[in-house]
ModelCIF file with pLDDT and N, C-alpha, C, O atoms, coordinates in Angstrom:
data_MODEL
#
_entry.id   MODEL 
#
_entity.id                         1 
_entity.type                       polymer 
_entity.pdbx_number_of_molecules   1 
#
_entity_poly.entity_id                      1 
_entity_poly.type                           'polypeptide(L)' 
_entity_poly.nstd_linkage                   no 
_entity_poly.nstd_monomer                   no 
_entity_poly.pdbx_seq_one_letter_code       PIVQACETLTGYRAEAVAFATEGPYLNQLGAQTLILGPGDI 
_entity_poly.pdbx_seq_one_letter_code_can   PIVQACETLTGYRAEAVAFATEGPYLNQLGAQTLILGPGDI 
_entity_poly.pdbx_strand_id                 A 
#
loop_
_entity_poly_seq.entity_id 
_entity_poly_seq.num 
_entity_poly_seq.mon_id 
_entity_poly_seq.hetero 
1 1  PRO n 
1 2  ILE n 
1 3  VAL n 
1 4  GLN n 
1 5  ALA n 
1 6  CYS n 
1 7  GLU n 
1 8  THR n 
1 9  LEU n 
1 10 THR n 
1 11 GLY n 
1 12 TYR n 
1 13 ARG n 
1 14 ALA n 
1 15 GLU n 
1 16 ALA n 
1 17 VAL n 
1 18 ALA n 
1 19 PHE n 
1 20 ALA n 
1 21 THR n 
1 22 GLU n 
1 23 GLY n 
1 24 PRO n 
1 25 TYR n 
1 26 LEU n 
1 27 ASN n 
1 28 GLN n 
1 29 LEU n 
1 30 GLY n 
1 31 ALA n 
1 32 GLN n 
1 33 THR n 
1 34 LEU n 
1 35 ILE n 
1 36 LEU n 
1 37 GLY n 
1 38 PRO n 
1 39 GLY n 
1 40 ASP n 
1 41 ILE n 
#
_struct_asym.id          A 
_struct_asym.entity_id   1 
#
loop_
_ma_qa_metric.id 
_ma_qa_metric.mode 
_ma_qa_metric.name 
_ma_qa_metric.software_group_id 
_ma_qa_metric.type 
1 global pLDDT . pLDDT 
2 local  pLDDT . pLDDT 
#
_ma_qa_metric_global.metric_id      1 
_ma_qa_metric_global.metric_value   95.22 
_ma_qa_metric_global.model_id       1 
_ma_qa_metric_global.ordinal_id     1 
#
loop_
_ma_qa_metric_local.label_asym_id 
_ma_qa_metric_local.label_comp_id 
_ma_qa_metric_local.label_seq_id 
_ma_qa_metric_local.metric_id 
_ma_qa_metric_local.metric_value 
_ma_qa_metric_local.model_id 
_ma_qa_metric_local.ordinal_id 
A PRO 1  2 97.00 1 1  
A ILE 2  2 98.00 1 2  
A VAL 3  2 98.00 1 3  
A GLN 4  2 98.00 1 4  
A ALA 5  2 98.00 1 5  
A CYS 6  2 98.00 1 6  
A GLU 7  2 98.00 1 7  
A THR 8  2 98.00 1 8  
A LEU 9  2 98.00 1 9  
A THR 10 2 98.00 1 10 
A GLY 11 2 98.00 1 11 
A TYR 12 2 98.00 1 12 
A ARG 13 2 97.00 1 13 
A ALA 14 2 98.00 1 14 
A GLU 15 2 96.00 1 15 
A ALA 16 2 97.00 1 16 
A VAL 17 2 94.00 1 17 
A ALA 18 2 87.00 1 18 
A PHE 19 2 88.00 1 19 
A ALA 20 2 91.00 1 20 
A THR 21 2 95.00 1 21 
A GLU 22 2 95.00 1 22 
A GLY 23 2 96.00 1 23 
A PRO 24 2 95.00 1 24 
A TYR 25 2 93.00 1 25 
A LEU 26 2 94.00 1 26 
A ASN 27 2 92.00 1 27 
A GLN 28 2 90.00 1 28 
A LEU 29 2 89.00 1 29 
A GLY 30 2 89.00 1 30 
A ALA 31 2 92.00 1 31 
A GLN 32 2 95.00 1 32 
A THR 33 2 97.00 1 33 
A LEU 34 2 98.00 1 34 
A ILE 35 2 98.00 1 35 
A LEU 36 2 98.00 1 36 
A GLY 37 2 98.00 1 37 
A PRO 38 2 97.00 1 38 
A GLY 39 2 94.00 1 39 
A ASP 40 2 94.00 1 40 
A ILE 41 2 92.00 1 41 
#
loop_
_atom_site.group_PDB 
_atom_site.id 
_atom_site.type_symbol 
_atom_site.label_atom_id 
_atom_site.label_alt_id 
_atom_site.label_comp_id 
_atom_site.label_asym_id 
_atom_site.label_entity_id 
_atom_site.label_seq_id 
_atom_site.pdbx_PDB_ins_code 
_atom_site.Cartn_x 
_atom_site.Cartn_y 
_atom_site.Cartn_z 
_atom_site.occupancy 
_atom_site.B_iso_or_equiv 
_atom_site.pdbx_formal_charge 
_atom_site.auth_seq_id 
_atom_site.auth_comp_id 
_atom_site.auth_asym_id 
_atom_site.auth_atom_id 
_atom_site.pdbx_PDB_model_num 
ATOM 1   N N  . PRO A 1 1  ? 47.792 -120.201 136.238 1.00 97.00 ? 1  PRO A N  1 
ATOM 2   C CA . PRO A 1 1  ? 45.707 -120.284 136.123 1.00 97.00 ? 1  PRO A CA 1 
ATOM 3   C C  . PRO A 1 1  ? 45.946 -120.737 138.379 1.00 97.00 ? 1  PRO A C  1 
ATOM 4   O O  . PRO A 1 1  ? 45.354 -120.364 139.392 1.00 97.00 ? 1  PRO A O  1 
ATOM 5   N N  . ILE A 1 2  ? 47.098 -121.653 138.092 1.00 98.00 ? 2  ILE A N  1 
ATOM 6   C CA . ILE A 1 2  ? 46.984 -122.769 139.852 1.00 98.00 ? 2  ILE A CA 1 
ATOM 7   C C  . ILE A 1 2  ? 47.403 -121.446 140.653 1.00 98.00 ? 2  ILE A C  1 
ATOM 8   O O  . ILE A 1 2  ? 46.684 -121.127 141.599 1.00 98.00 ? 2  ILE A O  1 
ATOM 9   N N  . VAL A 1 3  ? 48.313 -120.797 140.397 1.00 98.00 ? 3  VAL A N  1 
ATOM 10  C CA . VAL A 1 3  ? 48.677 -119.383 141.053 1.00 98.00 ? 3  VAL A CA 1 
ATOM 11  C C  . VAL A 1 3  ? 47.909 -118.407 141.100 1.00 98.00 ? 3  VAL A C  1 
ATOM 12  O O  . VAL A 1 3  ? 47.694 -118.000 142.241 1.00 98.00 ? 3  VAL A O  1 
ATOM 13  N N  . GLN A 1 4  ? 47.390 -117.852 140.249 1.00 98.00 ? 4  GLN A N  1 
ATOM 14  C CA . GLN A 1 4  ? 46.340 -116.476 140.765 1.00 98.00 ? 4  GLN A CA 1 
ATOM 15  C C  . GLN A 1 4  ? 45.061 -117.575 141.112 1.00 98.00 ? 4  GLN A C  1 
ATOM 16  O O  . GLN A 1 4  ? 43.949 -117.144 141.415 1.00 98.00 ? 4  GLN A O  1 
ATOM 17  N N  . ALA A 1 5  ? 45.338 -118.952 141.036 1.00 98.00 ? 5  ALA A N  1 
ATOM 18  C CA . ALA A 1 5  ? 43.097 -119.620 142.149 1.00 98.00 ? 5  ALA A CA 1 
ATOM 19  C C  . ALA A 1 5  ? 43.650 -119.533 143.067 1.00 98.00 ? 5  ALA A C  1 
ATOM 20  O O  . ALA A 1 5  ? 42.881 -119.243 143.984 1.00 98.00 ? 5  ALA A O  1 
ATOM 21  N N  . CYS A 1 6  ? 45.016 -119.664 143.492 1.00 98.00 ? 6  CYS A N  1 
ATOM 22  C CA . CYS A 1 6  ? 45.563 -119.940 145.035 1.00 98.00 ? 6  CYS A CA 1 
ATOM 23  C C  . CYS A 1 6  ? 45.837 -118.784 145.743 1.00 98.00 ? 6  CYS A C  1 
ATOM 24  O O  . CYS A 1 6  ? 45.559 -118.731 146.941 1.00 98.00 ? 6  CYS A O  1 
ATOM 25  N N  . GLU A 1 7  ? 46.535 -117.500 144.949 1.00 98.00 ? 7  GLU A N  1 
ATOM 26  C CA . GLU A 1 7  ? 46.291 -116.620 145.762 1.00 98.00 ? 7  GLU A CA 1 
ATOM 27  C C  . GLU A 1 7  ? 45.356 -115.754 145.875 1.00 98.00 ? 7  GLU A C  1 
ATOM 28  O O  . GLU A 1 7  ? 45.538 -114.642 146.371 1.00 98.00 ? 7  GLU A O  1 
ATOM 29  N N  . THR A 1 8  ? 44.050 -116.248 145.342 1.00 98.00 ? 8  THR A N  1 
ATOM 30  C CA . THR A 1 8  ? 42.575 -115.574 145.003 1.00 98.00 ? 8  THR A CA 1 
ATOM 31  C C  . THR A 1 8  ? 42.111 -115.904 146.350 1.00 98.00 ? 8  THR A C  1 
ATOM 32  O O  . THR A 1 8  ? 41.533 -115.124 147.107 1.00 98.00 ? 8  THR A O  1 
ATOM 33  N N  . LEU A 1 9  ? 42.404 -117.098 146.582 1.00 98.00 ? 9  LEU A N  1 
ATOM 34  C CA . LEU A 1 9  ? 41.729 -118.282 147.085 1.00 98.00 ? 9  LEU A CA 1 
ATOM 35  C C  . LEU A 1 9  ? 42.050 -118.016 148.684 1.00 98.00 ? 9  LEU A C  1 
ATOM 36  O O  . LEU A 1 9  ? 41.193 -117.880 149.558 1.00 98.00 ? 9  LEU A O  1 
ATOM 37  N N  . THR A 1 10 ? 44.284 -117.946 148.968 1.00 98.00 ? 10 THR A N  1 
ATOM 38  C CA . THR A 1 10 ? 44.281 -117.689 150.641 1.00 98.00 ? 10 THR A CA 1 
ATOM 39  C C  . THR A 1 10 ? 44.551 -116.201 150.665 1.00 98.00 ? 10 THR A C  1 
ATOM 40  O O  . THR A 1 10 ? 44.656 -115.831 151.835 1.00 98.00 ? 10 THR A O  1 
ATOM 41  N N  . GLY A 1 11 ? 44.725 -115.062 149.666 1.00 98.00 ? 11 GLY A N  1 
ATOM 42  C CA . GLY A 1 11 ? 44.467 -113.746 149.948 1.00 98.00 ? 11 GLY A CA 1 
ATOM 43  C C  . GLY A 1 11 ? 46.505 -113.520 150.062 1.00 98.00 ? 11 GLY A C  1 
ATOM 44  O O  . GLY A 1 11 ? 47.190 -112.514 150.250 1.00 98.00 ? 11 GLY A O  1 
ATOM 45  N N  . TYR A 1 12 ? 46.804 -114.703 149.883 1.00 98.00 ? 12 TYR A N  1 
ATOM 46  C CA . TYR A 1 12 ? 48.536 -114.436 150.220 1.00 98.00 ? 12 TYR A CA 1 
ATOM 47  C C  . TYR A 1 12 ? 49.095 -114.121 148.625 1.00 98.00 ? 12 TYR A C  1 
ATOM 48  O O  . TYR A 1 12 ? 48.975 -115.080 147.863 1.00 98.00 ? 12 TYR A O  1 
ATOM 49  N N  . ARG A 1 13 ? 49.472 -113.332 148.258 1.00 97.00 ? 13 ARG A N  1 
ATOM 50  C CA . ARG A 1 13 ? 51.021 -114.136 147.531 1.00 97.00 ? 13 ARG A CA 1 
ATOM 51  C C  . ARG A 1 13 ? 51.883 -114.746 146.929 1.00 97.00 ? 13 ARG A C  1 
ATOM 52  O O  . ARG A 1 13 ? 52.810 -115.248 147.564 1.00 97.00 ? 13 ARG A O  1 
ATOM 53  N N  . ALA A 1 14 ? 51.841 -114.811 146.168 1.00 98.00 ? 14 ALA A N  1 
ATOM 54  C CA . ALA A 1 14 ? 52.943 -116.748 146.504 1.00 98.00 ? 14 ALA A CA 1 
ATOM 55  C C  . ALA A 1 14 ? 54.526 -116.204 146.464 1.00 98.00 ? 14 ALA A C  1 
ATOM 56  O O  . ALA A 1 14 ? 55.026 -115.205 145.949 1.00 98.00 ? 14 ALA A O  1 
ATOM 57  N N  . GLU A 1 15 ? 55.097 -117.328 147.252 1.00 96.00 ? 15 GLU A N  1 
ATOM 58  C CA . GLU A 1 15 ? 56.170 -116.632 148.246 1.00 96.00 ? 15 GLU A CA 1 
ATOM 59  C C  . GLU A 1 15 ? 57.509 -118.367 147.070 1.00 96.00 ? 15 GLU A C  1 
ATOM 60  O O  . GLU A 1 15 ? 57.543 -119.237 146.200 1.00 96.00 ? 15 GLU A O  1 
ATOM 61  N N  . ALA A 1 16 ? 58.103 -117.746 147.963 1.00 97.00 ? 16 ALA A N  1 
ATOM 62  C CA . ALA A 1 16 ? 59.655 -118.712 147.745 1.00 97.00 ? 16 ALA A CA 1 
ATOM 63  C C  . ALA A 1 16 ? 60.013 -119.743 148.955 1.00 97.00 ? 16 ALA A C  1 
ATOM 64  O O  . ALA A 1 16 ? 59.859 -119.112 150.001 1.00 97.00 ? 16 ALA A O  1 
ATOM 65  N N  . VAL A 1 17 ? 60.426 -121.064 149.228 1.00 94.00 ? 17 VAL A N  1 
ATOM 66  C CA . VAL A 1 17 ? 60.961 -121.056 150.166 1.00 94.00 ? 17 VAL A CA 1 
ATOM 67  C C  . VAL A 1 17 ? 62.345 -121.967 149.899 1.00 94.00 ? 17 VAL A C  1 
ATOM 68  O O  . VAL A 1 17 ? 62.720 -122.142 148.740 1.00 94.00 ? 17 VAL A O  1 
ATOM 69  N N  . ALA A 1 18 ? 62.997 -122.472 150.895 1.00 87.00 ? 18 ALA A N  1 
ATOM 70  C CA . ALA A 1 18 ? 64.114 -122.923 150.857 1.00 87.00 ? 18 ALA A CA 1 
ATOM 71  C C  . ALA A 1 18 ? 64.221 -124.429 150.941 1.00 87.00 ? 18 ALA A C  1 
ATOM 72  O O  . ALA A 1 18 ? 65.310 -124.999 150.873 1.00 87.00 ? 18 ALA A O  1 
ATOM 73  N N  . PHE A 1 19 ? 62.705 -125.267 151.137 1.00 88.00 ? 19 PHE A N  1 
ATOM 74  C CA . PHE A 1 19 ? 62.745 -126.498 151.573 1.00 88.00 ? 19 PHE A CA 1 
ATOM 75  C C  . PHE A 1 19 ? 62.288 -126.902 150.293 1.00 88.00 ? 19 PHE A C  1 
ATOM 76  O O  . PHE A 1 19 ? 61.532 -126.285 149.542 1.00 88.00 ? 19 PHE A O  1 
ATOM 77  N N  . ALA A 1 20 ? 62.983 -128.319 150.078 1.00 91.00 ? 20 ALA A N  1 
ATOM 78  C CA . ALA A 1 20 ? 61.889 -128.748 148.675 1.00 91.00 ? 20 ALA A CA 1 
ATOM 79  C C  . ALA A 1 20 ? 61.408 -129.864 148.898 1.00 91.00 ? 20 ALA A C  1 
ATOM 80  O O  . ALA A 1 20 ? 61.483 -130.479 149.962 1.00 91.00 ? 20 ALA A O  1 
ATOM 81  N N  . THR A 1 21 ? 60.691 -130.325 147.561 1.00 95.00 ? 21 THR A N  1 
ATOM 82  C CA . THR A 1 21 ? 59.408 -130.643 147.282 1.00 95.00 ? 21 THR A CA 1 
ATOM 83  C C  . THR A 1 21 ? 59.010 -131.648 146.087 1.00 95.00 ? 21 THR A C  1 
ATOM 84  O O  . THR A 1 21 ? 59.824 -132.056 145.258 1.00 95.00 ? 21 THR A O  1 
ATOM 85  N N  . GLU A 1 22 ? 57.897 -131.925 146.109 1.00 95.00 ? 22 GLU A N  1 
ATOM 86  C CA . GLU A 1 22 ? 57.874 -133.243 144.438 1.00 95.00 ? 22 GLU A CA 1 
ATOM 87  C C  . GLU A 1 22 ? 57.549 -132.151 143.218 1.00 95.00 ? 22 GLU A C  1 
ATOM 88  O O  . GLU A 1 22 ? 57.539 -132.393 142.011 1.00 95.00 ? 22 GLU A O  1 
ATOM 89  N N  . GLY A 1 23 ? 57.223 -130.571 144.042 1.00 96.00 ? 23 GLY A N  1 
ATOM 90  C CA . GLY A 1 23 ? 56.759 -130.025 142.777 1.00 96.00 ? 23 GLY A CA 1 
ATOM 91  C C  . GLY A 1 23 ? 57.569 -130.272 141.560 1.00 96.00 ? 23 GLY A C  1 
ATOM 92  O O  . GLY A 1 23 ? 56.879 -130.842 140.715 1.00 96.00 ? 23 GLY A O  1 
ATOM 93  N N  . PRO A 1 24 ? 58.690 -130.067 141.193 1.00 95.00 ? 24 PRO A N  1 
ATOM 94  C CA . PRO A 1 24 ? 59.604 -130.125 140.109 1.00 95.00 ? 24 PRO A CA 1 
ATOM 95  C C  . PRO A 1 24 ? 59.143 -131.491 138.746 1.00 95.00 ? 24 PRO A C  1 
ATOM 96  O O  . PRO A 1 24 ? 59.137 -131.648 137.525 1.00 95.00 ? 24 PRO A O  1 
ATOM 97  N N  . TYR A 1 25 ? 58.767 -132.315 140.223 1.00 93.00 ? 25 TYR A N  1 
ATOM 98  C CA . TYR A 1 25 ? 58.611 -134.086 139.357 1.00 93.00 ? 25 TYR A CA 1 
ATOM 99  C C  . TYR A 1 25 ? 56.695 -133.636 138.804 1.00 93.00 ? 25 TYR A C  1 
ATOM 100 O O  . TYR A 1 25 ? 55.867 -134.364 138.255 1.00 93.00 ? 25 TYR A O  1 
ATOM 101 N N  . LEU A 1 26 ? 56.595 -132.350 139.199 1.00 94.00 ? 26 LEU A N  1 
ATOM 102 C CA . LEU A 1 26 ? 54.933 -133.180 138.846 1.00 94.00 ? 26 LEU A CA 1 
ATOM 103 C C  . LEU A 1 26 ? 54.850 -131.643 137.474 1.00 94.00 ? 26 LEU A C  1 
ATOM 104 O O  . LEU A 1 26 ? 54.081 -131.472 136.529 1.00 94.00 ? 26 LEU A O  1 
ATOM 105 N N  . ASN A 1 27 ? 56.114 -130.737 138.034 1.00 92.00 ? 27 ASN A N  1 
ATOM 106 C CA . ASN A 1 27 ? 56.147 -129.472 136.470 1.00 92.00 ? 27 ASN A CA 1 
ATOM 107 C C  . ASN A 1 27 ? 57.008 -130.536 135.173 1.00 92.00 ? 27 ASN A C  1 
ATOM 108 O O  . ASN A 1 27 ? 57.217 -130.013 134.079 1.00 92.00 ? 27 ASN A O  1 
ATOM 109 N N  . GLN A 1 28 ? 57.320 -131.558 135.341 1.00 90.00 ? 28 GLN A N  1 
ATOM 110 C CA . GLN A 1 28 ? 57.556 -132.553 134.429 1.00 90.00 ? 28 GLN A CA 1 
ATOM 111 C C  . GLN A 1 28 ? 56.668 -133.169 133.809 1.00 90.00 ? 28 GLN A C  1 
ATOM 112 O O  . GLN A 1 28 ? 56.461 -133.322 132.605 1.00 90.00 ? 28 GLN A O  1 
ATOM 113 N N  . LEU A 1 29 ? 56.136 -133.525 134.742 1.00 89.00 ? 29 LEU A N  1 
ATOM 114 C CA . LEU A 1 29 ? 54.439 -134.226 134.039 1.00 89.00 ? 29 LEU A CA 1 
ATOM 115 C C  . LEU A 1 29 ? 53.711 -133.216 133.335 1.00 89.00 ? 29 LEU A C  1 
ATOM 116 O O  . LEU A 1 29 ? 52.702 -133.695 132.818 1.00 89.00 ? 29 LEU A O  1 
ATOM 117 N N  . GLY A 1 30 ? 53.871 -131.859 133.105 1.00 89.00 ? 30 GLY A N  1 
ATOM 118 C CA . GLY A 1 30 ? 53.246 -131.275 132.503 1.00 89.00 ? 30 GLY A CA 1 
ATOM 119 C C  . GLY A 1 30 ? 52.218 -130.223 133.415 1.00 89.00 ? 30 GLY A C  1 
ATOM 120 O O  . GLY A 1 30 ? 51.572 -129.286 132.947 1.00 89.00 ? 30 GLY A O  1 
ATOM 121 N N  . ALA A 1 31 ? 52.247 -130.487 134.279 1.00 92.00 ? 31 ALA A N  1 
ATOM 122 C CA . ALA A 1 31 ? 51.787 -129.813 135.385 1.00 92.00 ? 31 ALA A CA 1 
ATOM 123 C C  . ALA A 1 31 ? 51.811 -128.378 136.201 1.00 92.00 ? 31 ALA A C  1 
ATOM 124 O O  . ALA A 1 31 ? 52.920 -128.219 136.712 1.00 92.00 ? 31 ALA A O  1 
ATOM 125 N N  . GLN A 1 32 ? 51.087 -127.511 136.415 1.00 95.00 ? 32 GLN A N  1 
ATOM 126 C CA . GLN A 1 32 ? 51.445 -125.945 136.562 1.00 95.00 ? 32 GLN A CA 1 
ATOM 127 C C  . GLN A 1 32 ? 51.257 -126.428 138.138 1.00 95.00 ? 32 GLN A C  1 
ATOM 128 O O  . GLN A 1 32 ? 50.232 -126.794 138.713 1.00 95.00 ? 32 GLN A O  1 
ATOM 129 N N  . THR A 1 33 ? 52.462 -126.311 138.575 1.00 97.00 ? 33 THR A N  1 
ATOM 130 C CA . THR A 1 33 ? 51.993 -126.671 140.111 1.00 97.00 ? 33 THR A CA 1 
ATOM 131 C C  . THR A 1 33 ? 52.663 -125.305 141.378 1.00 97.00 ? 33 THR A C  1 
ATOM 132 O O  . THR A 1 33 ? 53.514 -124.424 141.262 1.00 97.00 ? 33 THR A O  1 
ATOM 133 N N  . LEU A 1 34 ? 51.670 -125.782 142.627 1.00 98.00 ? 34 LEU A N  1 
ATOM 134 C CA . LEU A 1 34 ? 52.251 -124.753 143.539 1.00 98.00 ? 34 LEU A CA 1 
ATOM 135 C C  . LEU A 1 34 ? 51.725 -125.499 144.660 1.00 98.00 ? 34 LEU A C  1 
ATOM 136 O O  . LEU A 1 34 ? 50.801 -126.309 144.736 1.00 98.00 ? 34 LEU A O  1 
ATOM 137 N N  . ILE A 1 35 ? 52.726 -124.920 145.713 1.00 98.00 ? 35 ILE A N  1 
ATOM 138 C CA . ILE A 1 35 ? 53.011 -126.071 146.603 1.00 98.00 ? 35 ILE A CA 1 
ATOM 139 C C  . ILE A 1 35 ? 51.540 -124.703 148.234 1.00 98.00 ? 35 ILE A C  1 
ATOM 140 O O  . ILE A 1 35 ? 51.236 -123.548 148.534 1.00 98.00 ? 35 ILE A O  1 
ATOM 141 N N  . LEU A 1 36 ? 51.354 -125.773 148.491 1.00 98.00 ? 36 LEU A N  1 
ATOM 142 C CA . LEU A 1 36 ? 50.169 -124.987 149.579 1.00 98.00 ? 36 LEU A CA 1 
ATOM 143 C C  . LEU A 1 36 ? 49.723 -126.238 150.620 1.00 98.00 ? 36 LEU A C  1 
ATOM 144 O O  . LEU A 1 36 ? 49.598 -127.429 150.335 1.00 98.00 ? 36 LEU A O  1 
ATOM 145 N N  . GLY A 1 37 ? 49.513 -125.540 151.989 1.00 98.00 ? 37 GLY A N  1 
ATOM 146 C CA . GLY A 1 37 ? 48.948 -126.933 152.512 1.00 98.00 ? 37 GLY A CA 1 
ATOM 147 C C  . GLY A 1 37 ? 49.623 -126.686 154.289 1.00 98.00 ? 37 GLY A C  1 
ATOM 148 O O  . GLY A 1 37 ? 50.630 -126.410 154.942 1.00 98.00 ? 37 GLY A O  1 
ATOM 149 N N  . PRO A 1 38 ? 48.327 -126.998 154.359 1.00 97.00 ? 38 PRO A N  1 
ATOM 150 C CA . PRO A 1 38 ? 47.565 -126.071 155.954 1.00 97.00 ? 38 PRO A CA 1 
ATOM 151 C C  . PRO A 1 38 ? 48.619 -126.382 156.715 1.00 97.00 ? 38 PRO A C  1 
ATOM 152 O O  . PRO A 1 38 ? 48.247 -125.624 157.611 1.00 97.00 ? 38 PRO A O  1 
ATOM 153 N N  . GLY A 1 39 ? 49.936 -126.980 157.288 1.00 94.00 ? 39 GLY A N  1 
ATOM 154 C CA . GLY A 1 39 ? 50.351 -127.216 158.740 1.00 94.00 ? 39 GLY A CA 1 
ATOM 155 C C  . GLY A 1 39 ? 51.840 -126.282 158.206 1.00 94.00 ? 39 GLY A C  1 
ATOM 156 O O  . GLY A 1 39 ? 52.073 -125.536 157.254 1.00 94.00 ? 39 GLY A O  1 
ATOM 157 N N  . ASP A 1 40 ? 52.445 -126.665 159.092 1.00 94.00 ? 40 ASP A N  1 
ATOM 158 C CA . ASP A 1 40 ? 53.093 -124.949 159.254 1.00 94.00 ? 40 ASP A CA 1 
ATOM 159 C C  . ASP A 1 40 ? 55.559 -125.877 159.406 1.00 94.00 ? 40 ASP A C  1 
ATOM 160 O O  . ASP A 1 40 ? 55.884 -126.801 160.151 1.00 94.00 ? 40 ASP A O  1 
ATOM 161 N N  . ILE A 1 41 ? 56.398 -125.211 158.572 1.00 92.00 ? 41 ILE A N  1 
ATOM 162 C CA . ILE A 1 41 ? 56.810 -125.942 158.255 1.00 92.00 ? 41 ILE A CA 1 
ATOM 163 C C  . ILE A 1 41 ? 58.155 -126.516 159.692 1.00 92.00 ? 41 ILE A C  1 
ATOM 164 O O  . ILE A 1 41 ? 58.865 -127.506 159.514 1.00 92.00 ? 41 ILE A O  1 
#
C-alpha cells in the first residue's frame, strides 16, 4: 500500500537505486518501507 500510495501521489513508478539507506531496518520492524524525499542524490 505505501508503494502504491506514493506512486499515485508523485506520478512516478517506484524504482531502484544503488545507495544504501535505513530502509531494511524499518522493514525488519514490520513496516513496509519506501524511500522518497525532495533532495537530489
